[in-house]
Amino acid sequence: MSESDAALLSTWRAAHETPVTGWDFSDLGGGFVEQQPPWSYADLARDVLAGAVSALDLGTGGGEALLEIRDALPSDTVATEGWPPNIPVATRNLADHGIPVVEYDAEADASLPFEDGRFDVVLDRHEAYVATEVLRVLRPGGRFLTQQVDGRDFGEAQAIFGGASRYPHITLAHLRAEAVAAGLAVQAAEEWQGRAVFTDVTTLVRYFAHVPWEVPEDFSVDRYAAQLLDLHHSRRDLTFTQRRFYLRLTRPG
């Protein structure tokens, strides 16, 4: 291996292994440009929050997205987070706004730690959830808004590194049917496909540190050094397909 390639691998290794906390992609700088869906999640959330006296935010990350809509939040707002590094970040960020953070991971335990009919609104941005549990904690007439990353997101990464989507069931059609089967009523739904462009492999590798589910579970710079070096030397177009969708639902009654 040449000295220059060894230096590249060292740079990429540092980019991938630097710890990630919260849900903030600012460390990608100008090396990452992504298109945005035609809707605004913040605007959708403010709409469903209108008139609410209680709200739950599932998978708040570091609380960043929730704080963007803090002007619309009721005083009785609770957040959950299941990824251990994010829990203290979210707790710290939301404490000054009187929003408690409850540890909860839907993929580890289906049961939400709240009583029946506890909330007027449940929000979910890119977090796993159990539709029957969301229904249970909503009051009759309560509203649920979820925006999700489609399981087919970044399909080009699978072509480069191999493997398959870890979440092939996360599609609008599947989650819509699941919600209806649980007893929720669909008020609105939309899906979108766009592009994410990276200027260099360093930024791409850092992105994968934030979203490890976009690459094989055994991903590391050293294990996939051949593919990463090929991306760099071939000057391949680092454009990936993004897929997003949202569902707005209500609990009848």
C-alpha atoms as a PDB file:
ATOM      1  CA  MET A   1       0.000   0.000   0.000  1.00  0.00           C
ATOM      2  CA  SER A   2       1.297   3.446  -0.883  1.00  0.00           C
ATOM      3  CA  GLU A   3       1.986   6.063   1.770  1.00  0.00           C
ATOM      4  CA  SER A   4      -0.741   8.264   0.333  1.00  0.00           C
ATOM      5  CA  ASP A   5      -3.319   5.467   0.572  1.00  0.00           C
ATOM      6  CA  ALA A   6      -2.231   4.706   4.134  1.00  0.00           C
ATOM      7  CA  ALA A   7      -2.692   8.382   4.994  1.00  0.00           C
ATOM      8  CA  LEU A   8      -6.165   8.367   3.452  1.00  0.00           C
ATOM      9  CA  LEU A   9      -7.175   5.323   5.482  1.00  0.00           C
ATOM     10  CA  SER A  10      -5.899   6.995   8.644  1.00  0.00           C
ATOM     11  CA  THR A  11      -8.001  10.085   7.904  1.00  0.00           C
ATOM     12  CA  TRP A  12     -11.088   8.019   7.161  1.00  0.00           C
ATOM     13  CA  ARG A  13     -10.560   5.886  10.255  1.00  0.00           C
ATOM     14  CA  ALA A  14     -10.536   8.998  12.439  1.00  0.00           C
ATOM     15  CA  ALA A  15     -13.633  10.367  10.708  1.00  0.00           C
ATOM     16  CA  HIS A  16     -15.556   7.144  11.249  1.00  0.00           C
ATOM     17  CA  GLU A  17     -14.439   6.430  14.799  1.00  0.00           C
ATOM     18  CA  THR A  18     -14.931   9.877  16.310  1.00  0.00           C
ATOM     19  CA  PRO A  19     -17.945   9.525  18.635  1.00  0.00           C
ATOM     20  CA  VAL A  20     -21.305  10.856  17.498  1.00  0.00           C
ATOM     21  CA  THR A  21     -23.756  12.408  19.935  1.00  0.00           C
ATOM     22  CA  GLY A  22     -27.094  14.066  19.358  1.00  0.00           C
ATOM     23  CA  TRP A  23     -28.569  14.342  15.905  1.00  0.00           C
ATOM     24  CA  ASP A  24     -26.587  17.133  14.341  1.00  0.00           C
ATOM     25  CA  PHE A  25     -24.880  16.756  10.946  1.00  0.00           C
ATOM     26  CA  SER A  26     -23.037  20.060  11.190  1.00  0.00           C
ATOM     27  CA  ASP A  27     -19.710  18.236  11.455  1.00  0.00           C
ATOM     28  CA  LEU A  28     -20.118  17.232   7.792  1.00  0.00           C
ATOM     29  CA  GLY A  29     -19.616  20.854   6.799  1.00  0.00           C
ATOM     30  CA  GLY A  30     -19.980  21.799   3.150  1.00  0.00           C
ATOM     31  CA  GLY A  31     -19.004  18.343   1.964  1.00  0.00           C
ATOM     32  CA  PHE A  32     -22.574  17.127   2.158  1.00  0.00           C
ATOM     33  CA  VAL A  33     -25.527  18.582   0.276  1.00  0.00           C
ATOM     34  CA  GLU A  34     -28.943  16.985   0.508  1.00  0.00           C
ATOM     35  CA  GLN A  35     -32.232  17.816  -1.094  1.00  0.00           C
ATOM     36  CA  GLN A  36     -35.207  18.298   1.189  1.00  0.00           C
ATOM     37  CA  PRO A  37     -38.727  16.852   0.928  1.00  0.00           C
ATOM     38  CA  PRO A  38     -41.438  19.179  -0.396  1.00  0.00           C
ATOM     39  CA  TRP A  39     -42.998  19.302   3.053  1.00  0.00           C
ATOM     40  CA  SER A  40     -41.603  20.770   6.270  1.00  0.00           C
ATOM     41  CA  TYR A  41     -41.649  18.383   9.217  1.00  0.00           C
ATOM     42  CA  ALA A  42     -41.613  21.359  11.589  1.00  0.00           C
ATOM     43  CA  ASP A  43     -44.694  22.838   9.917  1.00  0.00           C
ATOM     44  CA  LEU A  44     -46.510  19.500   9.987  1.00  0.00           C
ATOM     45  CA  ALA A  45     -45.668  19.127  13.678  1.00  0.00           C
ATOM     46  CA  ARG A  46     -46.887  22.625  14.530  1.00  0.00           C
ATOM     47  CA  ASP A  47     -50.151  21.837  12.763  1.00  0.00           C
ATOM     48  CA  VAL A  48     -50.842  18.641  14.723  1.00  0.00           C
ATOM     49  CA  LEU A  49     -49.828  20.364  17.970  1.00  0.00           C
ATOM     50  CA  ALA A  50     -52.439  23.106  17.600  1.00  0.00           C
ATOM     51  CA  GLY A  51     -54.657  23.057  20.692  1.00  0.00           C
ATOM     52  CA  ALA A  52     -52.777  20.182  22.346  1.00  0.00           C
ATOM     53  CA  VAL A  53     -52.208  20.242  26.119  1.00  0.00           C
ATOM     54  CA  SER A  54     -49.875  17.218  26.188  1.00  0.00           C
ATOM     55  CA  ALA A  55     -47.353  15.814  23.721  1.00  0.00           C
ATOM     56  CA  LEU A  56     -44.837  12.997  23.400  1.00  0.00           C
ATOM     57  CA  ASP A  57     -41.761  13.050  21.154  1.00  0.00           C
ATOM     58  CA  LEU A  58     -40.465   9.568  20.365  1.00  0.00           C
ATOM     59  CA  GLY A  59     -36.743   9.155  19.716  1.00  0.00           C
ATOM     60  CA  THR A  60     -35.829  12.774  20.274  1.00  0.00           C
ATOM     61  CA  GLY A  61     -32.121  12.240  19.477  1.00  0.00           C
ATOM     62  CA  GLY A  62     -30.381  15.126  21.184  1.00  0.00           C
ATOM     63  CA  GLY A  63     -33.626  17.108  21.232  1.00  0.00           C
ATOM     64  CA  GLU A  64     -32.562  19.240  18.261  1.00  0.00           C
ATOM     65  CA  ALA A  65     -35.660  18.781  16.085  1.00  0.00           C
ATOM     66  CA  LEU A  66     -37.996  19.171  19.060  1.00  0.00           C
ATOM     67  CA  LEU A  67     -36.424  22.468  20.056  1.00  0.00           C
ATOM     68  CA  GLU A  68     -37.013  23.803  16.549  1.00  0.00           C
ATOM     69  CA  ILE A  69     -40.750  23.737  17.321  1.00  0.00           C
ATOM     70  CA  ARG A  70     -40.565  24.681  21.006  1.00  0.00           C
ATOM     71  CA  ASP A  71     -42.829  27.659  20.369  1.00  0.00           C
ATOM     72  CA  ALA A  72     -45.653  25.224  19.541  1.00  0.00           C
ATOM     73  CA  LEU A  73     -45.108  22.725  22.364  1.00  0.00           C
ATOM     74  CA  PRO A  74     -47.566  22.465  25.275  1.00  0.00           C
ATOM     75  CA  SER A  75     -46.162  22.804  28.790  1.00  0.00           C
ATOM     76  CA  ASP A  76     -46.802  19.095  29.304  1.00  0.00           C
ATOM     77  CA  THR A  77     -44.312  17.682  26.808  1.00  0.00           C
ATOM     78  CA  VAL A  78     -42.277  14.507  27.309  1.00  0.00           C
ATOM     79  CA  ALA A  79     -39.523  13.032  25.116  1.00  0.00           C
ATOM     80  CA  THR A  80     -38.057   9.548  24.826  1.00  0.00           C
ATOM     81  CA  GLU A  81     -34.647   8.394  23.623  1.00  0.00           C
ATOM     82  CA  GLY A  82     -33.201   4.907  23.390  1.00  0.00           C
ATOM     83  CA  TRP A  83     -29.609   5.350  22.208  1.00  0.00           C
ATOM     84  CA  PRO A  84     -27.425   5.635  25.355  1.00  0.00           C
ATOM     85  CA  PRO A  85     -25.013   8.321  24.051  1.00  0.00           C
ATOM     86  CA  ASN A  86     -27.953  10.581  23.197  1.00  0.00           C
ATOM     87  CA  ILE A  87     -29.806  10.322  26.505  1.00  0.00           C
ATOM     88  CA  PRO A  88     -27.575  12.731  28.483  1.00  0.00           C
ATOM     89  CA  VAL A  89     -27.379  15.066  25.468  1.00  0.00           C
ATOM     90  CA  ALA A  90     -31.171  15.228  25.150  1.00  0.00           C
ATOM     91  CA  THR A  91     -31.600  15.537  28.915  1.00  0.00           C
ATOM     92  CA  ARG A  92     -29.216  18.489  29.010  1.00  0.00           C
ATOM     93  CA  ASN A  93     -30.655  20.204  25.923  1.00  0.00           C
ATOM     94  CA  LEU A  94     -34.286  19.873  26.989  1.00  0.00           C
ATOM     95  CA  ALA A  95     -33.954  20.488  30.746  1.00  0.00           C
ATOM     96  CA  ASP A  96     -34.103  24.268  30.455  1.00  0.00           C
ATOM     97  CA  HIS A  97     -37.408  23.922  28.587  1.00  0.00           C
ATOM     98  CA  GLY A  98     -39.000  21.712  31.230  1.00  0.00           C
ATOM     99  CA  ILE A  99     -39.100  18.648  28.978  1.00  0.00           C
ATOM    100  CA  PRO A 100     -38.180  15.392  30.731  1.00  0.00           C
ATOM    101  CA  VAL A 101     -36.452  12.610  28.787  1.00  0.00           C
ATOM    102  CA  VAL A 102     -37.522   9.012  29.406  1.00  0.00           C
ATOM    103  CA  GLU A 103     -35.280   6.147  28.320  1.00  0.00           C
ATOM    104  CA  TYR A 104     -37.169   3.994  25.813  1.00  0.00           C
ATOM    105  CA  ASP A 105     -36.267   1.897  22.764  1.00  0.00           C
ATOM    106  CA  ALA A 106     -39.156   0.430  20.769  1.00  0.00           C
ATOM    107  CA  GLU A 107     -36.866  -2.154  19.191  1.00  0.00           C
ATOM    108  CA  ALA A 108     -35.952  -3.501  22.638  1.00  0.00           C
ATOM    109  CA  ASP A 109     -39.329  -3.196  24.390  1.00  0.00           C
ATOM    110  CA  ALA A 110     -42.628  -2.645  22.608  1.00  0.00           C
ATOM    111  CA  SER A 111     -44.458  -1.240  25.659  1.00  0.00           C
ATOM    112  CA  LEU A 112     -44.376   2.517  26.016  1.00  0.00           C
ATOM    113  CA  PRO A 113     -43.870   3.525  29.682  1.00  0.00           C
ATOM    114  CA  PHE A 114     -46.994   5.703  29.795  1.00  0.00           C
ATOM    115  CA  GLU A 115     -50.591   5.165  30.810  1.00  0.00           C
ATOM    116  CA  ASP A 116     -53.512   4.788  28.411  1.00  0.00           C
ATOM    117  CA  GLY A 117     -54.746   8.003  26.810  1.00  0.00           C
ATOM    118  CA  ARG A 118     -51.875  10.033  28.245  1.00  0.00           C
ATOM    119  CA  PHE A 119     -51.201  12.336  25.262  1.00  0.00           C
ATOM    120  CA  ASP A 120     -53.034  14.573  22.824  1.00  0.00           C
ATOM    121  CA  VAL A 121     -50.195  14.314  20.286  1.00  0.00           C
ATOM    122  CA  VAL A 122     -47.392  11.853  19.574  1.00  0.00           C
ATOM    123  CA  LEU A 123     -44.528  12.987  17.332  1.00  0.00           C
ATOM    124  CA  ASP A 124     -41.968  10.693  15.722  1.00  0.00           C
ATOM    125  CA  ARG A 125     -39.159  11.782  13.432  1.00  0.00           C
ATOM    126  CA  HIS A 126     -37.089   8.881  12.106  1.00  0.00           C
ATOM    127  CA  GLU A 127     -37.729   6.628  15.104  1.00  0.00           C
ATOM    128  CA  ALA A 128     -39.055   3.075  15.398  1.00  0.00           C
ATOM    129  CA  TYR A 129     -42.482   2.766  16.992  1.00  0.00           C
ATOM    130  CA  VAL A 130     -45.210   0.227  17.691  1.00  0.00           C
ATOM    131  CA  ALA A 131     -48.515   1.359  16.194  1.00  0.00           C
ATOM    132  CA  THR A 132     -50.680  -0.368  18.806  1.00  0.00           C
ATOM    133  CA  GLU A 133     -48.720   1.319  21.597  1.00  0.00           C
ATOM    134  CA  VAL A 134     -49.044   4.748  19.977  1.00  0.00           C
ATOM    135  CA  LEU A 135     -52.794   4.169  19.729  1.00  0.00           C
ATOM    136  CA  ARG A 136     -52.932   3.157  23.398  1.00  0.00           C
ATOM    137  CA  VAL A 137     -51.180   6.262  24.763  1.00  0.00           C
ATOM    138  CA  LEU A 138     -53.214   8.661  22.592  1.00  0.00           C
ATOM    139  CA  ARG A 139     -56.445  10.022  23.927  1.00  0.00           C
ATOM    140  CA  PRO A 140     -59.517   9.532  21.693  1.00  0.00           C
ATOM    141  CA  GLY A 141     -59.190  12.105  18.934  1.00  0.00           C
ATOM    142  CA  GLY A 142     -55.453  12.366  19.544  1.00  0.00           C
ATOM    143  CA  ARG A 143     -53.029  12.884  16.664  1.00  0.00           C
ATOM    144  CA  PHE A 144     -49.884  11.046  15.564  1.00  0.00           C
ATOM    145  CA  LEU A 145     -47.308  12.406  13.121  1.00  0.00           C
ATOM    146  CA  THR A 146     -44.374  10.303  11.949  1.00  0.00           C
ATOM    147  CA  GLN A 147     -41.727  11.016   9.341  1.00  0.00           C
ATOM    148  CA  GLN A 148     -39.603   8.021   8.396  1.00  0.00           C
ATOM    149  CA  VAL A 149     -36.533   7.142   6.358  1.00  0.00           C
ATOM    150  CA  ASP A 150     -37.662   4.549   3.816  1.00  0.00           C
ATOM    151  CA  GLY A 151     -35.851   1.228   4.146  1.00  0.00           C
ATOM    152  CA  ARG A 152     -34.668   1.566   0.545  1.00  0.00           C
ATOM    153  CA  ASP A 153     -32.773   4.771   1.397  1.00  0.00           C
ATOM    154  CA  PHE A 154     -29.146   4.964   0.112  1.00  0.00           C
ATOM    155  CA  GLY A 155     -29.548   1.850  -2.010  1.00  0.00           C
ATOM    156  CA  GLU A 156     -26.331   2.762  -3.828  1.00  0.00           C
ATOM    157  CA  ALA A 157     -24.387   2.021  -0.634  1.00  0.00           C
ATOM    158  CA  GLN A 158     -25.494  -1.601  -0.852  1.00  0.00           C
ATOM    159  CA  ALA A 159     -24.211  -1.786  -4.418  1.00  0.00           C
ATOM    160  CA  ILE A 160     -20.824  -0.484  -3.263  1.00  0.00           C
ATOM    161  CA  PHE A 161     -20.369  -2.353   0.011  1.00  0.00           C
ATOM    162  CA  GLY A 162     -22.727  -5.310  -0.389  1.00  0.00           C
ATOM    163  CA  GLY A 163     -25.371  -6.395   2.067  1.00  0.00           C
ATOM    164  CA  ALA A 164     -29.055  -5.576   2.111  1.00  0.00           C
ATOM    165  CA  SER A 165     -31.337  -3.096   3.803  1.00  0.00           C
ATOM    166  CA  ARG A 166     -31.694  -3.702   7.528  1.00  0.00           C
ATOM    167  CA  TYR A 167     -35.220  -2.296   7.449  1.00  0.00           C
ATOM    168  CA  PRO A 168     -36.911  -3.440   4.212  1.00  0.00           C
ATOM    169  CA  HIS A 169     -40.327  -3.238   5.902  1.00  0.00           C
ATOM    170  CA  ILE A 170     -40.050   0.524   6.501  1.00  0.00           C
ATOM    171  CA  THR A 171     -42.138   1.747   3.586  1.00  0.00           C
ATOM    172  CA  LEU A 172     -45.161   3.999   3.417  1.00  0.00           C
ATOM    173  CA  ALA A 173     -47.396   1.170   2.228  1.00  0.00           C
ATOM    174  CA  HIS A 174     -46.366  -1.161   5.049  1.00  0.00           C
ATOM    175  CA  LEU A 175     -46.550   1.359   7.896  1.00  0.00           C
ATOM    176  CA  ARG A 176     -49.825   2.741   6.607  1.00  0.00           C
ATOM    177  CA  ALA A 177     -51.389  -0.732   6.574  1.00  0.00           C
ATOM    178  CA  GLU A 178     -49.941  -1.451  10.011  1.00  0.00           C
ATOM    179  CA  ALA A 179     -51.398   1.764  11.430  1.00  0.00           C
ATOM    180  CA  VAL A 180     -54.850   1.061  10.010  1.00  0.00           C
ATOM    181  CA  ALA A 181     -54.737  -2.498  11.377  1.00  0.00           C
ATOM    182  CA  ALA A 182     -53.906  -1.070  14.806  1.00  0.00           C
ATOM    183  CA  GLY A 183     -56.984   1.175  14.679  1.00  0.00           C
ATOM    184  CA  LEU A 184     -55.502   4.507  13.633  1.00  0.00           C
ATOM    185  CA  ALA A 185     -57.133   6.581  10.902  1.00  0.00           C
ATOM    186  CA  VAL A 186     -54.998   8.065   8.128  1.00  0.00           C
ATOM    187  CA  GLN A 187     -55.427  11.806   7.624  1.00  0.00           C
ATOM    188  CA  ALA A 188     -52.535  12.449   5.231  1.00  0.00           C
ATOM    189  CA  ALA A 189     -49.560  10.612   3.736  1.00  0.00           C
ATOM    190  CA  GLU A 190     -46.817  11.468   1.268  1.00  0.00           C
ATOM    191  CA  GLU A 191     -43.539   9.978   0.093  1.00  0.00           C
ATOM    192  CA  TRP A 192     -40.548  11.541  -1.642  1.00  0.00           C
ATOM    193  CA  GLN A 193     -37.295  10.641  -3.357  1.00  0.00           C
ATOM    194  CA  GLY A 194     -34.318  12.985  -3.669  1.00  0.00           C
ATOM    195  CA  ARG A 195     -30.539  13.141  -3.774  1.00  0.00           C
ATOM    196  CA  ALA A 196     -27.678  13.431  -1.298  1.00  0.00           C
ATOM    197  CA  VAL A 197     -24.283  14.430  -2.704  1.00  0.00           C
ATOM    198  CA  PHE A 198     -20.878  14.082  -1.013  1.00  0.00           C
ATOM    199  CA  THR A 199     -17.786  15.914  -2.199  1.00  0.00           C
ATOM    200  CA  ASP A 200     -15.303  13.352  -0.871  1.00  0.00           C
ATOM    201  CA  VAL A 201     -14.947   9.966   0.794  1.00  0.00           C
ATOM    202  CA  THR A 202     -13.985  11.520   4.149  1.00  0.00           C
ATOM    203  CA  THR A 203     -17.372  13.189   4.427  1.00  0.00           C
ATOM    204  CA  LEU A 204     -19.136  10.025   3.285  1.00  0.00           C
ATOM    205  CA  VAL A 205     -17.398   7.936   5.933  1.00  0.00           C
ATOM    206  CA  ARG A 206     -18.293  10.485   8.616  1.00  0.00           C
ATOM    207  CA  TYR A 207     -21.905  10.348   7.463  1.00  0.00           C
ATOM    208  CA  PHE A 208     -21.890   6.576   7.943  1.00  0.00           C
ATOM    209  CA  ALA A 209     -20.785   7.163  11.546  1.00  0.00           C
ATOM    210  CA  HIS A 210     -24.067   9.025  12.052  1.00  0.00           C
ATOM    211  CA  VAL A 211     -26.229   6.488  10.194  1.00  0.00           C
ATOM    212  CA  PRO A 212     -24.531   3.072  10.483  1.00  0.00           C
ATOM    213  CA  TRP A 213     -27.615   1.260   9.197  1.00  0.00           C
ATOM    214  CA  GLU A 214     -26.851   2.525   5.674  1.00  0.00           C
ATOM    215  CA  VAL A 215     -23.858   0.162   5.418  1.00  0.00           C
ATOM    216  CA  PRO A 216     -23.260  -3.496   6.399  1.00  0.00           C
ATOM    217  CA  GLU A 217     -23.217  -4.197  10.141  1.00  0.00           C
ATOM    218  CA  ASP A 218     -19.539  -5.155   9.987  1.00  0.00           C
ATOM    219  CA  PHE A 219     -18.549  -1.880   8.320  1.00  0.00           C
ATOM    220  CA  SER A 220     -15.193  -0.388   9.239  1.00  0.00           C
ATOM    221  CA  VAL A 221     -12.657   1.588   7.253  1.00  0.00           C
ATOM    222  CA  ASP A 222     -10.122  -1.221   7.385  1.00  0.00           C
ATOM    223  CA  ARG A 223     -12.567  -3.970   6.437  1.00  0.00           C
ATOM    224  CA  TYR A 224     -13.845  -2.018   3.426  1.00  0.00           C
ATOM    225  CA  ALA A 225     -10.599  -0.252   2.551  1.00  0.00           C
ATOM    226  CA  ALA A 226     -10.572  -1.594  -1.018  1.00  0.00           C
ATOM    227  CA  GLN A 227     -14.019  -0.215  -1.797  1.00  0.00           C
ATOM    228  CA  LEU A 228     -13.279   3.147  -0.168  1.00  0.00           C
ATOM    229  CA  LEU A 229      -9.969   3.555  -1.991  1.00  0.00           C
ATOM    230  CA  ASP A 230     -11.672   2.653  -5.251  1.00  0.00           C
ATOM    231  CA  LEU A 231     -14.306   5.337  -4.619  1.00  0.00           C
ATOM    232  CA  HIS A 232     -11.542   7.867  -4.050  1.00  0.00           C
ATOM    233  CA  HIS A 233      -9.256   6.979  -6.949  1.00  0.00           C
ATOM    234  CA  SER A 234     -12.023   6.425  -9.498  1.00  0.00           C
ATOM    235  CA  ARG A 235     -13.541   9.805  -8.625  1.00  0.00           C
ATOM    236  CA  ARG A 236     -16.902   8.115  -8.724  1.00  0.00           C
ATOM    237  CA  ASP A 237     -19.938  10.339  -8.401  1.00  0.00           C
ATOM    238  CA  LEU A 238     -20.868  10.208  -4.724  1.00  0.00           C
ATOM    239  CA  THR A 239     -24.581  10.764  -5.219  1.00  0.00           C
ATOM    240  CA  PHE A 240     -27.036   8.673  -3.226  1.00  0.00           C
ATOM    241  CA  THR A 241     -30.815   8.341  -3.333  1.00  0.00           C
ATOM    242  CA  GLN A 242     -32.749   9.556  -0.321  1.00  0.00           C
ATOM    243  CA  ARG A 243     -36.269   8.328   0.431  1.00  0.00           C
ATOM    244  CA  ARG A 244     -38.602   9.851   3.011  1.00  0.00           C
ATOM    245  CA  PHE A 245     -42.296   9.635   3.833  1.00  0.00           C
ATOM    246  CA  TYR A 246     -44.685  10.839   6.463  1.00  0.00           C
ATOM    247  CA  LEU A 247     -47.986   9.734   7.928  1.00  0.00           C
ATOM    248  CA  ARG A 248     -50.459  11.847   9.835  1.00  0.00           C
ATOM    249  CA  LEU A 249     -52.920   9.718  11.787  1.00  0.00           C
ATOM    250  CA  THR A 250     -55.571  10.071  14.464  1.00  0.00           C
ATOM    251  CA  ARG A 251     -57.087   7.863  17.105  1.00  0.00           C
ATOM    252  CA  PRO A 252     -60.827   7.763  16.278  1.00  0.00           C
ATOM    253  CA  GLY A 253     -63.289   8.965  18.842  1.00  0.00           C
END
